[in-house]
PDB file of N, CA and C in Angstrom:
ATOM      1  N   MET A   1      40.661  16.986  38.438  1.00  0.00           N
ATOM      2  CA  MET A   1      39.639  18.519  37.869  1.00  0.00           C
ATOM      3  C   MET A   1      39.777  18.003  36.948  1.00  0.00           C
ATOM      4  N   ARG A   2      40.023  16.864  35.985  1.00  0.00           N
ATOM      5  CA  ARG A   2      39.576  16.396  34.918  1.00  0.00           C
ATOM      6  C   ARG A   2      38.297  16.324  34.510  1.00  0.00           C
ATOM      7  N   LYS A   3      37.973  14.783  35.664  1.00  0.00           N
ATOM      8  CA  LYS A   3      36.849  14.213  35.859  1.00  0.00           C
ATOM      9  C   LYS A   3      35.947  15.060  36.542  1.00  0.00           C
ATOM     10  N   LEU A   4      35.879  16.336  37.647  1.00  0.00           N
ATOM     11  CA  LEU A   4      34.857  17.256  37.635  1.00  0.00           C
ATOM     12  C   LEU A   4      34.563  18.076  36.734  1.00  0.00           C
ATOM     13  N   ILE A   5      35.119  18.408  35.479  1.00  0.00           N
ATOM     14  CA  ILE A   5      34.522  19.201  34.393  1.00  0.00           C
ATOM     15  C   ILE A   5      34.208  17.647  32.987  1.00  0.00           C
ATOM     16  N   VAL A   6      34.595  17.138  33.826  1.00  0.00           N
ATOM     17  CA  VAL A   6      33.574  15.317  32.792  1.00  0.00           C
ATOM     18  C   VAL A   6      32.192  15.599  32.974  1.00  0.00           C
ATOM     19  N   ILE A   7      32.209  15.228  34.556  1.00  0.00           N
ATOM     20  CA  ILE A   7      31.137  15.154  35.107  1.00  0.00           C
ATOM     21  C   ILE A   7      30.389  16.191  34.958  1.00  0.00           C
ATOM     22  N   THR A   8      30.848  17.383  35.124  1.00  0.00           N
ATOM     23  CA  THR A   8      29.813  18.956  34.766  1.00  0.00           C
ATOM     24  C   THR A   8      29.569  19.007  32.863  1.00  0.00           C
ATOM     25  N   LEU A   9      29.672  19.029  32.270  1.00  0.00           N
ATOM     26  CA  LEU A   9      30.179  18.811  30.543  1.00  0.00           C
ATOM     27  C   LEU A   9      28.503  17.752  30.621  1.00  0.00           C
ATOM     28  N   ALA A  10      28.554  16.422  31.708  1.00  0.00           N
ATOM     29  CA  ALA A  10      27.628  15.833  31.173  1.00  0.00           C
ATOM     30  C   ALA A  10      26.080  15.764  31.635  1.00  0.00           C
ATOM     31  N   PHE A  11      26.348  16.427  33.000  1.00  0.00           N
ATOM     32  CA  PHE A  11      25.341  16.719  33.102  1.00  0.00           C
ATOM     33  C   PHE A  11      24.286  17.942  32.362  1.00  0.00           C
ATOM     34  N   MET A  12      25.179  18.672  32.241  1.00  0.00           N
ATOM     35  CA  MET A  12      24.856  19.853  31.329  1.00  0.00           C
ATOM     36  C   MET A  12      24.127  19.068  29.912  1.00  0.00           C
ATOM     37  N   ALA A  13      24.956  18.474  29.190  1.00  0.00           N
ATOM     38  CA  ALA A  13      24.238  17.869  28.107  1.00  0.00           C
ATOM     39  C   ALA A  13      22.529  17.448  28.324  1.00  0.00           C
ATOM     40  N   PHE A  14      23.301  16.512  29.590  1.00  0.00           N
ATOM     41  CA  PHE A  14      21.933  15.937  29.990  1.00  0.00           C
ATOM     42  C   PHE A  14      20.666  16.953  30.089  1.00  0.00           C
ATOM     43  N   GLY A  15      20.933  17.805  31.007  1.00  0.00           N
ATOM     44  CA  GLY A  15      20.159  18.607  30.822  1.00  0.00           C
ATOM     45  C   GLY A  15      19.517  19.605  29.589  1.00  0.00           C
ATOM     46  N   ILE A  16      20.251  19.809  28.994  1.00  0.00           N
ATOM     47  CA  ILE A  16      19.556  20.411  27.975  1.00  0.00           C
ATOM     48  C   ILE A  16      18.659  18.896  26.422  1.00  0.00           C
ATOM     49  N   TYR A  17      19.530  18.064  26.408  1.00  0.00           N
ATOM     50  CA  TYR A  17      18.464  17.118  26.036  1.00  0.00           C
ATOM     51  C   TYR A  17      17.056  16.717  26.799  1.00  0.00           C
ATOM     52  N   ASP A  18      17.278  16.813  27.797  1.00  0.00           N
ATOM     53  CA  ASP A  18      16.358  16.271  28.574  1.00  0.00           C
ATOM     54  C   ASP A  18      15.287  17.549  28.589  1.00  0.00           C
ATOM     55  N   SER A  19      15.395  18.265  29.104  1.00  0.00           N
ATOM     56  CA  SER A  19      14.745  19.528  28.345  1.00  0.00           C
ATOM     57  C   SER A  19      13.965  19.856  27.120  1.00  0.00           C
ATOM     58  N   ARG A  20      14.461  19.449  26.065  1.00  0.00           N
ATOM     59  CA  ARG A  20      14.183  19.730  24.497  1.00  0.00           C
ATOM     60  C   ARG A  20      13.127  18.120  24.655  1.00  0.00           C
ATOM     61  N   ARG A  21      12.919  17.103  24.761  1.00  0.00           N
ATOM     62  CA  ARG A  21      12.383  15.918  25.121  1.00  0.00           C
ATOM     63  C   ARG A  21      10.952  16.145  25.075  1.00  0.00           C
ATOM     64  N   PRO A  22      10.283  16.794  26.081  1.00  0.00           N
ATOM     65  CA  PRO A  22       8.973  16.958  26.457  1.00  0.00           C
ATOM     66  C   PRO A  22       8.285  17.528  24.772  1.00  0.00           C
ATOM     67  N   GLN A  23       9.130  18.940  24.432  1.00  0.00           N
ATOM     68  CA  GLN A  23       8.927  19.471  23.443  1.00  0.00           C
ATOM     69  C   GLN A  23       8.393  18.659  21.782  1.00  0.00           C
ATOM     70  N   LYS A  24       9.124  17.472  21.656  1.00  0.00           N
ATOM     71  CA  LYS A  24       9.232  16.739  20.995  1.00  0.00           C
ATOM     72  C   LYS A  24       8.324  16.375  20.613  1.00  0.00           C
ATOM     73  N   VAL A  25       7.840  15.582  22.240  1.00  0.00           N
ATOM     74  CA  VAL A  25       6.545  14.976  22.546  1.00  0.00           C
ATOM     75  C   VAL A  25       5.116  15.254  22.448  1.00  0.00           C
ATOM     76  N   ALA A  26       5.341  16.958  23.068  1.00  0.00           N
ATOM     77  CA  ALA A  26       4.085  17.188  22.498  1.00  0.00           C
ATOM     78  C   ALA A  26       3.696  17.929  21.193  1.00  0.00           C
ATOM     79  N   LEU A  27       4.908  18.015  20.353  1.00  0.00           N
ATOM     80  CA  LEU A  27       4.371  18.155  19.201  1.00  0.00           C
ATOM     81  C   LEU A  27       4.225  16.988  18.490  1.00  0.00           C
ATOM     82  N   LYS A  28       4.606  15.804  18.157  1.00  0.00           N
ATOM     83  CA  LYS A  28       4.059  15.198  17.856  1.00  0.00           C
ATOM     84  C   LYS A  28       2.749  14.210  18.527  1.00  0.00           C
ATOM     85  N   ALA A  29       2.099  14.687  19.511  1.00  0.00           N
ATOM     86  CA  ALA A  29       0.709  14.631  20.176  1.00  0.00           C
ATOM     87  C   ALA A  29       0.241  15.537  19.770  1.00  0.00           C
ATOM     88  N   ASP A  30       0.654  16.967  19.052  1.00  0.00           N
ATOM     89  CA  ASP A  30      -0.362  17.319  18.509  1.00  0.00           C
ATOM     90  C   ASP A  30      -0.830  17.205  17.160  1.00  0.00           C
ATOM     91  N   SER A  31       0.492  16.502  16.359  1.00  0.00           N
ATOM     92  CA  SER A  31       0.243  16.172  15.286  1.00  0.00           C
ATOM     93  C   SER A  31      -0.810  14.709  15.029  1.00  0.00           C
ATOM     94  N   GLY A  32      -1.353  13.995  15.836  1.00  0.00           N
ATOM     95  CA  GLY A  32      -2.053  13.172  15.985  1.00  0.00           C
ATOM     96  C   GLY A  32      -0.955  11.532  15.797  1.00  0.00           C
ATOM     97  N   GLU A  33       0.155  11.772  16.135  1.00  0.00           N
ATOM     98  CA  GLU A  33       1.051  10.588  15.555  1.00  0.00           C
ATOM     99  C   GLU A  33       0.697  10.095  16.437  1.00  0.00           C
ATOM    100  N   VAL A  34       1.060  10.486  18.094  1.00  0.00           N
ATOM    101  CA  VAL A  34       1.107   9.195  18.983  1.00  0.00           C
ATOM    102  C   VAL A  34      -0.220   8.708  19.275  1.00  0.00           C
ATOM    103  N   SER A  35      -1.465   9.783  19.037  1.00  0.00           N
ATOM    104  CA  SER A  35      -2.591   9.163  19.360  1.00  0.00           C
ATOM    105  C   SER A  35      -2.838   7.885  18.601  1.00  0.00           C
ATOM    106  N   GLU A  36      -2.707   8.380  17.138  1.00  0.00           N
ATOM    107  CA  GLU A  36      -2.889   7.004  16.012  1.00  0.00           C
ATOM    108  C   GLU A  36      -1.877   6.190  15.733  1.00  0.00           C
ATOM    109  N   LYS A  37      -0.636   5.892  16.743  1.00  0.00           N
ATOM    110  CA  LYS A  37      -0.060   4.960  17.449  1.00  0.00           C
ATOM    111  C   LYS A  37      -0.418   4.052  17.916  1.00  0.00           C
ATOM    112  N   CYS A  38      -1.415   4.704  19.155  1.00  0.00           N
ATOM    113  CA  CYS A  38      -1.840   4.074  19.854  1.00  0.00           C
ATOM    114  C   CYS A  38      -3.009   3.279  19.907  1.00  0.00           C
ATOM    115  N   MET A  39      -3.113   3.893  18.839  1.00  0.00           N
ATOM    116  CA  MET A  39      -5.072   2.999  18.355  1.00  0.00           C
ATOM    117  C   MET A  39      -4.734   1.942  17.897  1.00  0.00           C
ATOM    118  N   GLU A  40      -2.939   2.067  17.580  1.00  0.00           N
ATOM    119  CA  GLU A  40      -2.311   1.126  16.105  1.00  0.00           C
ATOM    120  C   GLU A  40      -2.449  -0.216  17.362  1.00  0.00           C
ATOM    121  N   MET A  41      -1.876  -0.056  18.633  1.00  0.00           N
ATOM    122  CA  MET A  41      -1.417  -0.564  19.541  1.00  0.00           C
ATOM    123  C   MET A  41      -2.881  -0.921  19.746  1.00  0.00           C
ATOM    124  N   ARG A  42      -3.645  -0.552  20.303  1.00  0.00           N
ATOM    125  CA  ARG A  42      -4.789  -0.887  21.251  1.00  0.00           C
ATOM    126  C   ARG A  42      -5.294  -2.082  20.382  1.00  0.00           C
ATOM    127  N   GLN A  43      -5.317  -1.772  19.118  1.00  0.00           N
ATOM    128  CA  GLN A  43      -6.292  -3.031  17.616  1.00  0.00           C
ATOM    129  C   GLN A  43      -5.608  -4.218  17.730  1.00  0.00           C
ATOM    130  N   GLU A  44      -4.510  -4.102  17.946  1.00  0.00           N
ATOM    131  CA  GLU A  44      -3.344  -4.872  17.470  1.00  0.00           C
ATOM    132  C   GLU A  44      -3.284  -5.934  19.291  1.00  0.00           C
ATOM    133  N   ILE A  45      -3.511  -5.314  20.203  1.00  0.00           N
ATOM    134  CA  ILE A  45      -3.879  -5.785  21.021  1.00  0.00           C
ATOM    135  C   ILE A  45      -5.209  -6.907  21.408  1.00  0.00           C
ATOM    136  N   GLU A  46      -6.044  -6.165  21.250  1.00  0.00           N
ATOM    137  CA  GLU A  46      -7.482  -6.739  20.818  1.00  0.00           C
ATOM    138  C   GLU A  46      -7.273  -7.623  20.400  1.00  0.00           C
ATOM    139  N   ARG A  47      -6.439  -7.697  19.339  1.00  0.00           N
ATOM    140  CA  ARG A  47      -7.190  -9.104  18.243  1.00  0.00           C
ATOM    141  C   ARG A  47      -5.628 -10.212  18.656  1.00  0.00           C
ATOM    142  N   ILE A  48      -4.587  -9.618  19.474  1.00  0.00           N
ATOM    143  CA  ILE A  48      -3.885 -10.789  20.317  1.00  0.00           C
ATOM    144  C   ILE A  48      -4.770 -11.282  21.524  1.00  0.00           C
ATOM    145  N   LYS A  49      -6.120 -10.440  22.219  1.00  0.00           N
ATOM    146  CA  LYS A  49      -6.256 -11.446  23.073  1.00  0.00           C
ATOM    147  C   LYS A  49      -7.689 -12.273  22.244  1.00  0.00           C
ATOM    148  N   ALA A  50      -8.510 -11.786  20.841  1.00  0.00           N
ATOM    149  CA  ALA A  50      -9.688 -12.146  20.709  1.00  0.00           C
ATOM    150  C   ALA A  50      -8.838 -13.527  20.201  1.00  0.00           C
ATOM    151  N   GLU A  51      -7.781 -14.022  19.961  1.00  0.00           N
ATOM    152  CA  GLU A  51      -6.675 -15.415  19.348  1.00  0.00           C
ATOM    153  C   GLU A  51      -6.530 -15.556  20.308  1.00  0.00           C
ATOM    154  N   LEU A  52      -6.104 -15.723  21.774  1.00  0.00           N
ATOM    155  CA  LEU A  52      -5.779 -15.999  22.423  1.00  0.00           C
ATOM    156  C   LEU A  52      -6.857 -17.336  23.341  1.00  0.00           C
ATOM    157  N   GLU A  53      -7.723 -16.023  22.953  1.00  0.00           N
ATOM    158  CA  GLU A  53      -9.369 -16.541  23.696  1.00  0.00           C
ATOM    159  C   GLU A  53      -9.675 -17.968  22.863  1.00  0.00           C
ATOM    160  N   ARG A  54      -9.578 -17.897  21.550  1.00  0.00           N
ATOM    161  CA  ARG A  54      -9.905 -18.802  20.652  1.00  0.00           C
ATOM    162  C   ARG A  54      -9.497 -19.893  20.288  1.00  0.00           C
ATOM    163  N   LEU A  55      -7.782 -19.721  20.472  1.00  0.00           N
ATOM    164  CA  LEU A  55      -6.934 -20.909  21.285  1.00  0.00           C
ATOM    165  C   LEU A  55      -7.452 -21.717  22.745  1.00  0.00           C
ATOM    166  N   GLU A  56      -7.571 -21.083  23.655  1.00  0.00           N
ATOM    167  CA  GLU A  56      -7.846 -21.513  24.611  1.00  0.00           C
ATOM    168  C   GLU A  56      -9.451 -22.159  24.521  1.00  0.00           C
ATOM    169  N   LYS A  57     -10.052 -21.879  24.182  1.00  0.00           N
ATOM    170  CA  LYS A  57     -10.952 -22.666  23.565  1.00  0.00           C
ATOM    171  C   LYS A  57     -10.548 -23.740  23.016  1.00  0.00           C
ATOM    172  N   THR A  58     -10.090 -23.762  21.576  1.00  0.00           N
ATOM    173  CA  THR A  58     -10.297 -25.227  21.355  1.00  0.00           C
ATOM    174  C   THR A  58      -8.591 -26.117  21.707  1.00  0.00           C
ATOM    175  N   ALA A  59      -8.011 -25.241  22.721  1.00  0.00           N
ATOM    176  CA  ALA A  59      -7.414 -26.420  23.463  1.00  0.00           C
ATOM    177  C   ALA A  59      -7.299 -27.849  23.367  1.00  0.00           C
ATOM    178  N   VAL A  60      -6.294 -28.498  23.471  1.00  0.00           N
ATOM    179  CA  VAL A  60      -7.012 -30.128  23.713  1.00  0.00           C
ATOM    180  C   VAL A  60      -6.575 -30.411  25.440  1.00  0.00           C
ATOM    181  N   SER A  61      -6.982 -31.148  26.477  1.00  0.00           N
ATOM    182  CA  SER A  61      -6.159 -30.557  27.584  1.00  0.00           C
ATOM    183  C   SER A  61      -6.020 -31.954  27.903  1.00  0.00           C
ATOM    184  N   PRO A  62      -4.521 -32.472  28.527  1.00  0.00           N
ATOM    185  CA  PRO A  62      -3.986 -33.708  28.041  1.00  0.00           C
ATOM    186  C   PRO A  62      -4.595 -34.483  29.351  1.00  0.00           C
ATOM    187  N   GLN A  63      -4.446 -36.114  28.475  1.00  0.00           N
ATOM    188  CA  GLN A  63      -5.476 -36.755  29.267  1.00  0.00           C
ATOM    189  C   GLN A  63      -4.377 -38.026  29.812  1.00  0.00           C
ATOM    190  N   ALA A  64      -4.713 -38.434  31.175  1.00  0.00           N
ATOM    191  CA  ALA A  64      -3.749 -38.971  32.098  1.00  0.00           C
ATOM    192  C   ALA A  64      -4.262 -40.537  31.569  1.00  0.00           C
ATOM    193  N   ASP A  65      -2.975 -41.104  31.702  1.00  0.00           N
ATOM    194  CA  ASP A  65      -2.872 -42.594  31.321  1.00  0.00           C
ATOM    195  C   ASP A  65      -2.848 -43.461  32.711  1.00  0.00           C
TER     196      ASP A  65
END
């Protein structure tokens, strides 16, 4: 019986947590925080891609002896 109560409370707690989560994301999206972070991450990805291409061009291929 105790396990049933614990499991029920756990599902109820998760349901409350899960129902609040989309609202928090929506609030962040409304403030522009999410889109700003997304733009920062895209810029970082582009910077890393450019660095990788530069390294690939300057890489020395191993020579067989």
